[in-house]
Amino acid sequence: MDKADAGLSDELIEVLRQYYYMKTPLGLENFMQGEMKVLSYIHYTAGGGEIATGDIVSALDMTGGRVAGILRSLEKKGFISRRTDENDRRRIMVSPTPAGSDYVENGRELLRSRLSAIINAMGSESAENFIRSMEEFVNACRKADFP
């Protein structure tokens, strides 16, 4: 890594650190961890259908035990339903309930209104540039060869 890359890396670390420790009502982290992470994945991936628990484990890079605990909690709250696959009794199929889908969509709407306030504070042009840069960042993360 050359000196310029090291400097940019340090700047990015600092900005990410500031965001991480900032007390903000954005709520984005709610979509990226725990129950909401799993429920929103089921909602958007199953698309009104079903998804196997093993697929959830693989896609979200979580342990089977962690996903099983979250699914129990979501089922108890009425946000998902589970059933055994008729063709393979070892597989458990999961689908969002209407209450679960509503919960995800309401959370998304709240997040959208909060992001709108941030976009207004940034200005449209800066927000568009930020979004394009984040898209590049996400794509680079997918391509990067990490040590």
N, C-alpha and C. Protein backbone atom coordinates (compact mmCIF):
# COMPACT_ATOMS: atom_id res chain seq x y z
N MET A 1 0.86 -1.17 0.00
CA MET A 1 0.00 0.00 0.00
C MET A 1 0.90 1.23 0.00
N ASP A 2 0.63 2.13 -0.94
CA ASP A 2 1.46 3.33 -0.97
C ASP A 2 0.94 4.36 0.03
N LYS A 3 1.69 5.44 0.18
CA LYS A 3 1.39 6.46 1.18
C LYS A 3 0.02 7.11 0.95
N ALA A 4 -0.33 7.37 -0.32
CA ALA A 4 -1.63 8.00 -0.62
C ALA A 4 -2.78 7.08 -0.23
N ASP A 5 -2.65 5.77 -0.56
CA ASP A 5 -3.70 4.81 -0.19
C ASP A 5 -3.83 4.70 1.32
N ALA A 6 -2.71 4.71 2.02
CA ALA A 6 -2.74 4.64 3.48
C ALA A 6 -3.46 5.85 4.07
N GLY A 7 -3.19 7.02 3.49
CA GLY A 7 -3.86 8.24 3.96
C GLY A 7 -5.35 8.19 3.73
N LEU A 8 -5.75 7.73 2.54
CA LEU A 8 -7.18 7.61 2.25
C LEU A 8 -7.84 6.57 3.15
N SER A 9 -7.13 5.48 3.40
CA SER A 9 -7.66 4.45 4.30
C SER A 9 -7.89 5.03 5.69
N ASP A 10 -6.93 5.80 6.17
CA ASP A 10 -7.07 6.41 7.49
C ASP A 10 -8.24 7.39 7.53
N GLU A 11 -8.42 8.17 6.46
CA GLU A 11 -9.55 9.10 6.39
C GLU A 11 -10.88 8.35 6.44
N LEU A 12 -10.96 7.26 5.66
CA LEU A 12 -12.20 6.48 5.63
C LEU A 12 -12.47 5.85 6.99
N ILE A 13 -11.44 5.32 7.62
CA ILE A 13 -11.61 4.75 8.96
C ILE A 13 -12.16 5.79 9.92
N GLU A 14 -11.63 7.00 9.85
CA GLU A 14 -12.07 8.07 10.74
C GLU A 14 -13.53 8.45 10.48
N VAL A 15 -13.91 8.58 9.22
CA VAL A 15 -15.29 8.94 8.89
C VAL A 15 -16.25 7.83 9.34
N LEU A 16 -15.88 6.58 9.08
CA LEU A 16 -16.73 5.46 9.51
C LEU A 16 -16.82 5.40 11.03
N ARG A 17 -15.72 5.68 11.71
CA ARG A 17 -15.73 5.70 13.17
C ARG A 17 -16.68 6.77 13.69
N GLN A 18 -16.61 7.95 13.09
CA GLN A 18 -17.50 9.05 13.50
C GLN A 18 -18.95 8.67 13.30
N TYR A 19 -19.26 8.06 12.16
CA TYR A 19 -20.65 7.66 11.90
C TYR A 19 -21.09 6.59 12.90
N TYR A 20 -20.21 5.62 13.14
CA TYR A 20 -20.55 4.51 14.02
C TYR A 20 -20.91 5.00 15.43
N TYR A 21 -20.17 5.97 15.94
CA TYR A 21 -20.39 6.45 17.30
C TYR A 21 -21.36 7.62 17.39
N MET A 22 -21.86 8.10 16.26
CA MET A 22 -22.78 9.22 16.26
C MET A 22 -24.15 8.78 16.81
N LYS A 23 -24.70 9.59 17.65
CA LYS A 23 -26.05 9.33 18.17
C LYS A 23 -27.02 9.93 17.15
N THR A 24 -27.58 9.07 16.31
CA THR A 24 -28.49 9.53 15.27
C THR A 24 -29.75 8.68 15.27
N PRO A 25 -30.88 9.27 14.98
CA PRO A 25 -32.12 8.50 14.93
C PRO A 25 -32.34 7.82 13.58
N LEU A 26 -31.28 7.71 12.77
CA LEU A 26 -31.45 7.17 11.43
C LEU A 26 -32.09 5.79 11.46
N GLY A 27 -31.56 4.88 12.25
CA GLY A 27 -32.15 3.55 12.36
C GLY A 27 -31.69 2.55 11.32
N LEU A 28 -30.71 2.92 10.50
CA LEU A 28 -30.21 2.00 9.48
C LEU A 28 -29.68 0.72 10.10
N GLU A 29 -29.04 0.85 11.26
CA GLU A 29 -28.48 -0.33 11.90
C GLU A 29 -29.55 -1.36 12.25
N ASN A 30 -30.79 -0.92 12.44
CA ASN A 30 -31.87 -1.85 12.73
C ASN A 30 -32.12 -2.82 11.58
N PHE A 31 -31.87 -2.37 10.36
CA PHE A 31 -32.06 -3.23 9.19
C PHE A 31 -30.87 -4.15 8.97
N MET A 32 -29.78 -3.92 9.70
CA MET A 32 -28.55 -4.64 9.41
C MET A 32 -28.12 -5.58 10.53
N GLN A 33 -28.98 -5.81 11.51
CA GLN A 33 -28.61 -6.72 12.58
C GLN A 33 -29.84 -7.39 13.19
N GLY A 34 -29.60 -8.53 13.80
CA GLY A 34 -30.62 -9.21 14.58
C GLY A 34 -31.89 -9.58 13.84
N GLU A 35 -33.00 -9.45 14.56
CA GLU A 35 -34.29 -9.87 14.03
C GLU A 35 -34.69 -9.14 12.76
N MET A 36 -34.47 -7.82 12.73
CA MET A 36 -34.88 -7.05 11.55
C MET A 36 -34.06 -7.44 10.33
N LYS A 37 -32.80 -7.76 10.53
CA LYS A 37 -31.95 -8.20 9.42
C LYS A 37 -32.54 -9.48 8.81
N VAL A 38 -32.89 -10.43 9.66
CA VAL A 38 -33.44 -11.70 9.19
C VAL A 38 -34.83 -11.50 8.60
N LEU A 39 -35.67 -10.76 9.30
CA LEU A 39 -37.04 -10.55 8.81
C LEU A 39 -37.06 -9.80 7.49
N SER A 40 -36.24 -8.77 7.35
CA SER A 40 -36.23 -8.03 6.09
C SER A 40 -35.67 -8.90 4.96
N TYR A 41 -34.67 -9.74 5.27
CA TYR A 41 -34.15 -10.67 4.26
C TYR A 41 -35.25 -11.62 3.79
N ILE A 42 -35.99 -12.18 4.73
CA ILE A 42 -37.09 -13.09 4.37
C ILE A 42 -38.12 -12.35 3.54
N HIS A 43 -38.50 -11.17 3.99
CA HIS A 43 -39.53 -10.38 3.29
C HIS A 43 -39.14 -10.07 1.85
N TYR A 44 -37.92 -9.57 1.66
CA TYR A 44 -37.51 -9.16 0.31
C TYR A 44 -37.08 -10.32 -0.56
N THR A 45 -36.55 -11.38 0.02
CA THR A 45 -36.07 -12.52 -0.77
C THR A 45 -37.20 -13.48 -1.11
N ALA A 46 -38.04 -13.78 -0.14
CA ALA A 46 -39.13 -14.73 -0.38
C ALA A 46 -40.18 -14.12 -1.29
N GLY A 47 -40.31 -12.81 -1.27
CA GLY A 47 -41.26 -12.13 -2.16
C GLY A 47 -42.67 -12.67 -2.05
N GLY A 48 -43.13 -12.91 -0.84
CA GLY A 48 -44.46 -13.45 -0.64
C GLY A 48 -44.49 -14.97 -0.64
N GLY A 49 -43.34 -15.58 -0.96
CA GLY A 49 -43.25 -17.04 -0.97
C GLY A 49 -42.51 -17.53 0.26
N GLU A 50 -41.71 -18.57 0.05
CA GLU A 50 -40.99 -19.19 1.15
C GLU A 50 -39.49 -19.22 0.87
N ILE A 51 -38.73 -19.38 1.95
CA ILE A 51 -37.28 -19.53 1.83
C ILE A 51 -36.85 -20.55 2.87
N ALA A 52 -35.86 -21.36 2.54
CA ALA A 52 -35.35 -22.37 3.46
C ALA A 52 -34.45 -21.72 4.50
N THR A 53 -34.51 -22.23 5.73
CA THR A 53 -33.68 -21.67 6.79
C THR A 53 -32.19 -21.77 6.46
N GLY A 54 -31.79 -22.85 5.80
CA GLY A 54 -30.38 -22.99 5.41
C GLY A 54 -29.93 -21.90 4.47
N ASP A 55 -30.83 -21.45 3.60
CA ASP A 55 -30.51 -20.34 2.69
C ASP A 55 -30.32 -19.03 3.46
N ILE A 56 -31.10 -18.86 4.52
CA ILE A 56 -30.96 -17.66 5.35
C ILE A 56 -29.59 -17.67 6.04
N VAL A 57 -29.24 -18.83 6.60
CA VAL A 57 -27.96 -18.98 7.28
C VAL A 57 -26.81 -18.64 6.33
N SER A 58 -26.86 -19.20 5.12
CA SER A 58 -25.79 -18.97 4.15
C SER A 58 -25.73 -17.52 3.69
N ALA A 59 -26.86 -16.97 3.36
CA ALA A 59 -26.89 -15.62 2.79
C ALA A 59 -26.48 -14.55 3.80
N LEU A 60 -26.86 -14.73 5.06
CA LEU A 60 -26.60 -13.71 6.06
C LEU A 60 -25.34 -13.99 6.88
N ASP A 61 -24.68 -15.11 6.56
CA ASP A 61 -23.43 -15.47 7.23
C ASP A 61 -23.60 -15.47 8.75
N MET A 62 -24.65 -16.18 9.19
CA MET A 62 -24.94 -16.32 10.61
C MET A 62 -24.91 -17.80 10.95
N THR A 63 -24.76 -18.13 12.21
CA THR A 63 -24.79 -19.53 12.61
C THR A 63 -26.22 -20.05 12.58
N GLY A 64 -26.34 -21.35 12.42
CA GLY A 64 -27.67 -21.97 12.41
C GLY A 64 -28.40 -21.74 13.72
N GLY A 65 -27.66 -21.81 14.83
CA GLY A 65 -28.27 -21.58 16.13
C GLY A 65 -28.80 -20.17 16.30
N ARG A 66 -28.03 -19.20 15.82
CA ARG A 66 -28.46 -17.79 15.91
C ARG A 66 -29.72 -17.56 15.08
N VAL A 67 -29.73 -18.10 13.86
CA VAL A 67 -30.90 -17.94 12.99
C VAL A 67 -32.11 -18.65 13.60
N ALA A 68 -31.91 -19.85 14.15
CA ALA A 68 -33.02 -20.60 14.77
C ALA A 68 -33.63 -19.80 15.92
N GLY A 69 -32.78 -19.19 16.75
CA GLY A 69 -33.28 -18.38 17.86
C GLY A 69 -34.07 -17.17 17.38
N ILE A 70 -33.56 -16.52 16.37
CA ILE A 70 -34.25 -15.35 15.81
C ILE A 70 -35.59 -15.78 15.20
N LEU A 71 -35.60 -16.89 14.46
CA LEU A 71 -36.85 -17.36 13.85
C LEU A 71 -37.88 -17.72 14.91
N ARG A 72 -37.45 -18.33 16.02
CA ARG A 72 -38.40 -18.63 17.11
C ARG A 72 -39.04 -17.35 17.63
N SER A 73 -38.20 -16.33 17.84
CA SER A 73 -38.70 -15.06 18.35
C SER A 73 -39.65 -14.40 17.35
N LEU A 74 -39.27 -14.41 16.06
CA LEU A 74 -40.12 -13.80 15.04
C LEU A 74 -41.45 -14.55 14.91
N GLU A 75 -41.42 -15.86 15.05
CA GLU A 75 -42.65 -16.65 14.97
C GLU A 75 -43.55 -16.35 16.17
N LYS A 76 -42.94 -16.23 17.36
CA LYS A 76 -43.70 -15.91 18.57
C LYS A 76 -44.40 -14.55 18.44
N LYS A 77 -43.74 -13.62 17.75
CA LYS A 77 -44.31 -12.28 17.54
C LYS A 77 -45.32 -12.24 16.41
N GLY A 78 -45.45 -13.35 15.68
CA GLY A 78 -46.41 -13.40 14.57
C GLY A 78 -45.89 -12.81 13.28
N PHE A 79 -44.56 -12.65 13.14
CA PHE A 79 -43.97 -12.03 11.96
C PHE A 79 -43.61 -13.03 10.85
N ILE A 80 -43.46 -14.30 11.21
CA ILE A 80 -43.17 -15.33 10.21
C ILE A 80 -43.97 -16.58 10.54
N SER A 81 -44.05 -17.47 9.54
CA SER A 81 -44.58 -18.81 9.79
C SER A 81 -43.54 -19.79 9.27
N ARG A 82 -43.48 -20.96 9.92
CA ARG A 82 -42.53 -21.99 9.52
C ARG A 82 -43.28 -23.29 9.29
N ARG A 83 -42.74 -24.07 8.37
CA ARG A 83 -43.30 -25.40 8.12
C ARG A 83 -42.19 -26.31 7.63
N THR A 84 -42.39 -27.60 7.80
CA THR A 84 -41.45 -28.59 7.31
C THR A 84 -41.72 -28.83 5.83
N ASP A 85 -40.66 -28.86 5.04
CA ASP A 85 -40.77 -29.12 3.60
C ASP A 85 -41.30 -30.54 3.40
N GLU A 86 -42.38 -30.68 2.62
CA GLU A 86 -42.97 -32.00 2.39
C GLU A 86 -42.04 -32.93 1.62
N ASN A 87 -41.19 -32.40 0.77
CA ASN A 87 -40.28 -33.22 -0.05
C ASN A 87 -38.99 -33.58 0.67
N ASP A 88 -38.63 -32.81 1.69
CA ASP A 88 -37.41 -33.06 2.44
C ASP A 88 -37.66 -32.65 3.89
N ARG A 89 -38.00 -33.59 4.72
CA ARG A 89 -38.41 -33.31 6.09
C ARG A 89 -37.30 -32.67 6.94
N ARG A 90 -36.07 -32.65 6.42
CA ARG A 90 -34.98 -31.99 7.14
C ARG A 90 -35.00 -30.48 6.94
N ARG A 91 -35.69 -30.02 5.90
CA ARG A 91 -35.71 -28.59 5.58
C ARG A 91 -36.91 -27.90 6.22
N ILE A 92 -36.64 -26.72 6.77
CA ILE A 92 -37.70 -25.88 7.33
C ILE A 92 -37.86 -24.68 6.40
N MET A 93 -39.09 -24.48 5.97
CA MET A 93 -39.40 -23.36 5.08
C MET A 93 -40.02 -22.23 5.90
N VAL A 94 -39.62 -21.01 5.58
CA VAL A 94 -40.06 -19.83 6.32
C VAL A 94 -40.70 -18.85 5.36
N SER A 95 -41.77 -18.22 5.82
CA SER A 95 -42.39 -17.16 5.01
C SER A 95 -42.84 -16.03 5.93
N PRO A 96 -42.84 -14.82 5.42
CA PRO A 96 -43.30 -13.69 6.24
C PRO A 96 -44.82 -13.72 6.34
N THR A 97 -45.34 -13.32 7.47
CA THR A 97 -46.78 -13.15 7.61
C THR A 97 -47.12 -11.73 7.16
N PRO A 98 -48.39 -11.43 6.95
CA PRO A 98 -48.73 -10.03 6.64
C PRO A 98 -48.23 -9.05 7.71
N ALA A 99 -48.30 -9.46 8.99
CA ALA A 99 -47.81 -8.59 10.07
C ALA A 99 -46.31 -8.38 9.95
N GLY A 100 -45.57 -9.42 9.59
CA GLY A 100 -44.13 -9.30 9.42
C GLY A 100 -43.78 -8.40 8.25
N SER A 101 -44.49 -8.57 7.13
CA SER A 101 -44.24 -7.72 5.97
C SER A 101 -44.58 -6.26 6.27
N ASP A 102 -45.67 -6.05 6.99
CA ASP A 102 -46.04 -4.68 7.38
C ASP A 102 -44.98 -4.06 8.28
N TYR A 103 -44.43 -4.85 9.19
CA TYR A 103 -43.40 -4.35 10.10
C TYR A 103 -42.16 -3.90 9.33
N VAL A 104 -41.75 -4.71 8.35
CA VAL A 104 -40.59 -4.35 7.53
C VAL A 104 -40.89 -3.10 6.71
N GLU A 105 -42.04 -3.05 6.09
CA GLU A 105 -42.38 -1.89 5.25
C GLU A 105 -42.52 -0.62 6.07
N ASN A 106 -43.08 -0.72 7.27
CA ASN A 106 -43.18 0.46 8.14
C ASN A 106 -41.80 0.94 8.57
N GLY A 107 -40.90 0.00 8.87
CA GLY A 107 -39.53 0.36 9.20
C GLY A 107 -38.83 1.02 8.03
N ARG A 108 -39.08 0.49 6.84
CA ARG A 108 -38.47 1.07 5.64
C ARG A 108 -39.00 2.49 5.40
N GLU A 109 -40.27 2.70 5.64
CA GLU A 109 -40.85 4.03 5.44
C GLU A 109 -40.27 5.03 6.45
N LEU A 110 -40.09 4.60 7.68
CA LEU A 110 -39.46 5.46 8.69
C LEU A 110 -38.03 5.80 8.29
N LEU A 111 -37.29 4.80 7.84
CA LEU A 111 -35.92 5.02 7.38
C LEU A 111 -35.90 5.96 6.18
N ARG A 112 -36.84 5.78 5.25
CA ARG A 112 -36.92 6.65 4.07
C ARG A 112 -37.15 8.10 4.48
N SER A 113 -38.03 8.35 5.45
CA SER A 113 -38.30 9.74 5.86
C SER A 113 -37.07 10.35 6.54
N ARG A 114 -36.34 9.54 7.31
CA ARG A 114 -35.13 10.05 7.96
C ARG A 114 -34.03 10.32 6.94
N LEU A 115 -33.89 9.44 5.97
CA LEU A 115 -32.90 9.68 4.91
C LEU A 115 -33.26 10.90 4.08
N SER A 116 -34.54 11.14 3.89
CA SER A 116 -34.98 12.32 3.15
C SER A 116 -34.51 13.60 3.85
N ALA A 117 -34.57 13.60 5.17
CA ALA A 117 -34.09 14.77 5.92
C ALA A 117 -32.59 14.96 5.72
N ILE A 118 -31.85 13.86 5.68
CA ILE A 118 -30.40 13.94 5.46
C ILE A 118 -30.11 14.42 4.04
N ILE A 119 -30.85 13.91 3.07
CA ILE A 119 -30.68 14.33 1.68
C ILE A 119 -30.97 15.82 1.54
N ASN A 120 -32.00 16.29 2.20
CA ASN A 120 -32.31 17.73 2.17
C ASN A 120 -31.18 18.55 2.78
N ALA A 121 -30.57 18.05 3.86
CA ALA A 121 -29.46 18.76 4.50
C ALA A 121 -28.22 18.76 3.61
N MET A 122 -27.99 17.66 2.86
CA MET A 122 -26.83 17.56 1.98
C MET A 122 -27.01 18.35 0.69
N GLY A 123 -28.23 18.39 0.20
CA GLY A 123 -28.51 18.92 -1.13
C GLY A 123 -28.52 17.76 -2.12
N SER A 124 -29.34 17.88 -3.14
CA SER A 124 -29.54 16.78 -4.10
C SER A 124 -28.26 16.35 -4.80
N GLU A 125 -27.47 17.32 -5.25
CA GLU A 125 -26.26 16.98 -6.00
C GLU A 125 -25.25 16.21 -5.14
N SER A 126 -25.03 16.69 -3.92
CA SER A 126 -24.12 15.99 -3.01
C SER A 126 -24.64 14.60 -2.67
N ALA A 127 -25.95 14.49 -2.47
CA ALA A 127 -26.55 13.20 -2.15
C ALA A 127 -26.39 12.22 -3.31
N GLU A 128 -26.61 12.70 -4.53
CA GLU A 128 -26.43 11.84 -5.71
C GLU A 128 -24.98 11.39 -5.84
N ASN A 129 -24.04 12.29 -5.64
CA ASN A 129 -22.62 11.93 -5.69
C ASN A 129 -22.27 10.91 -4.60
N PHE A 130 -22.82 11.11 -3.41
CA PHE A 130 -22.58 10.18 -2.31
C PHE A 130 -23.11 8.78 -2.65
N ILE A 131 -24.31 8.72 -3.19
CA ILE A 131 -24.92 7.43 -3.55
C ILE A 131 -24.08 6.72 -4.60
N ARG A 132 -23.64 7.45 -5.65
CA ARG A 132 -22.79 6.84 -6.68
C ARG A 132 -21.48 6.33 -6.07
N SER A 133 -20.91 7.12 -5.17
CA SER A 133 -19.66 6.71 -4.51
C SER A 133 -19.88 5.47 -3.64
N MET A 134 -21.00 5.42 -2.94
CA MET A 134 -21.30 4.24 -2.12
C MET A 134 -21.51 3.00 -2.99
N GLU A 135 -22.14 3.18 -4.15
CA GLU A 135 -22.30 2.05 -5.08
C GLU A 135 -20.94 1.53 -5.52
N GLU A 136 -20.03 2.45 -5.84
CA GLU A 136 -18.67 2.05 -6.22
C GLU A 136 -17.98 1.35 -5.06
N PHE A 137 -18.16 1.85 -3.86
CA PHE A 137 -17.54 1.27 -2.67
C PHE A 137 -18.05 -0.16 -2.45
N VAL A 138 -19.35 -0.35 -2.54
CA VAL A 138 -19.93 -1.69 -2.35
C VAL A 138 -19.42 -2.64 -3.42
N ASN A 139 -19.38 -2.20 -4.67
CA ASN A 139 -18.86 -3.06 -5.75
C ASN A 139 -17.39 -3.40 -5.54
N ALA A 140 -16.62 -2.42 -5.09
CA ALA A 140 -15.19 -2.68 -4.83
C ALA A 140 -15.03 -3.67 -3.68
N CYS A 141 -15.89 -3.58 -2.66
CA CYS A 141 -15.84 -4.54 -1.55
C CYS A 141 -16.09 -5.96 -2.05
N ARG A 142 -17.01 -6.10 -3.00
CA ARG A 142 -17.30 -7.42 -3.55
C ARG A 142 -16.12 -7.99 -4.35
N LYS A 143 -15.36 -7.11 -4.99
CA LYS A 143 -14.26 -7.53 -5.85
C LYS A 143 -12.92 -7.65 -5.11
N ALA A 144 -12.81 -6.99 -3.98
CA ALA A 144 -11.51 -6.90 -3.29
C ALA A 144 -10.99 -8.28 -2.88
N ASP A 145 -9.68 -8.41 -2.98
CA ASP A 145 -9.01 -9.63 -2.56
C ASP A 145 -8.43 -9.35 -1.19
N PHE A 146 -9.18 -9.73 -0.15
CA PHE A 146 -8.77 -9.43 1.22
C PHE A 146 -7.74 -10.43 1.71
N PRO A 147 -6.75 -9.95 2.47
CA PRO A 147 -5.73 -10.86 3.02
C PRO A 147 -6.33 -11.77 4.09
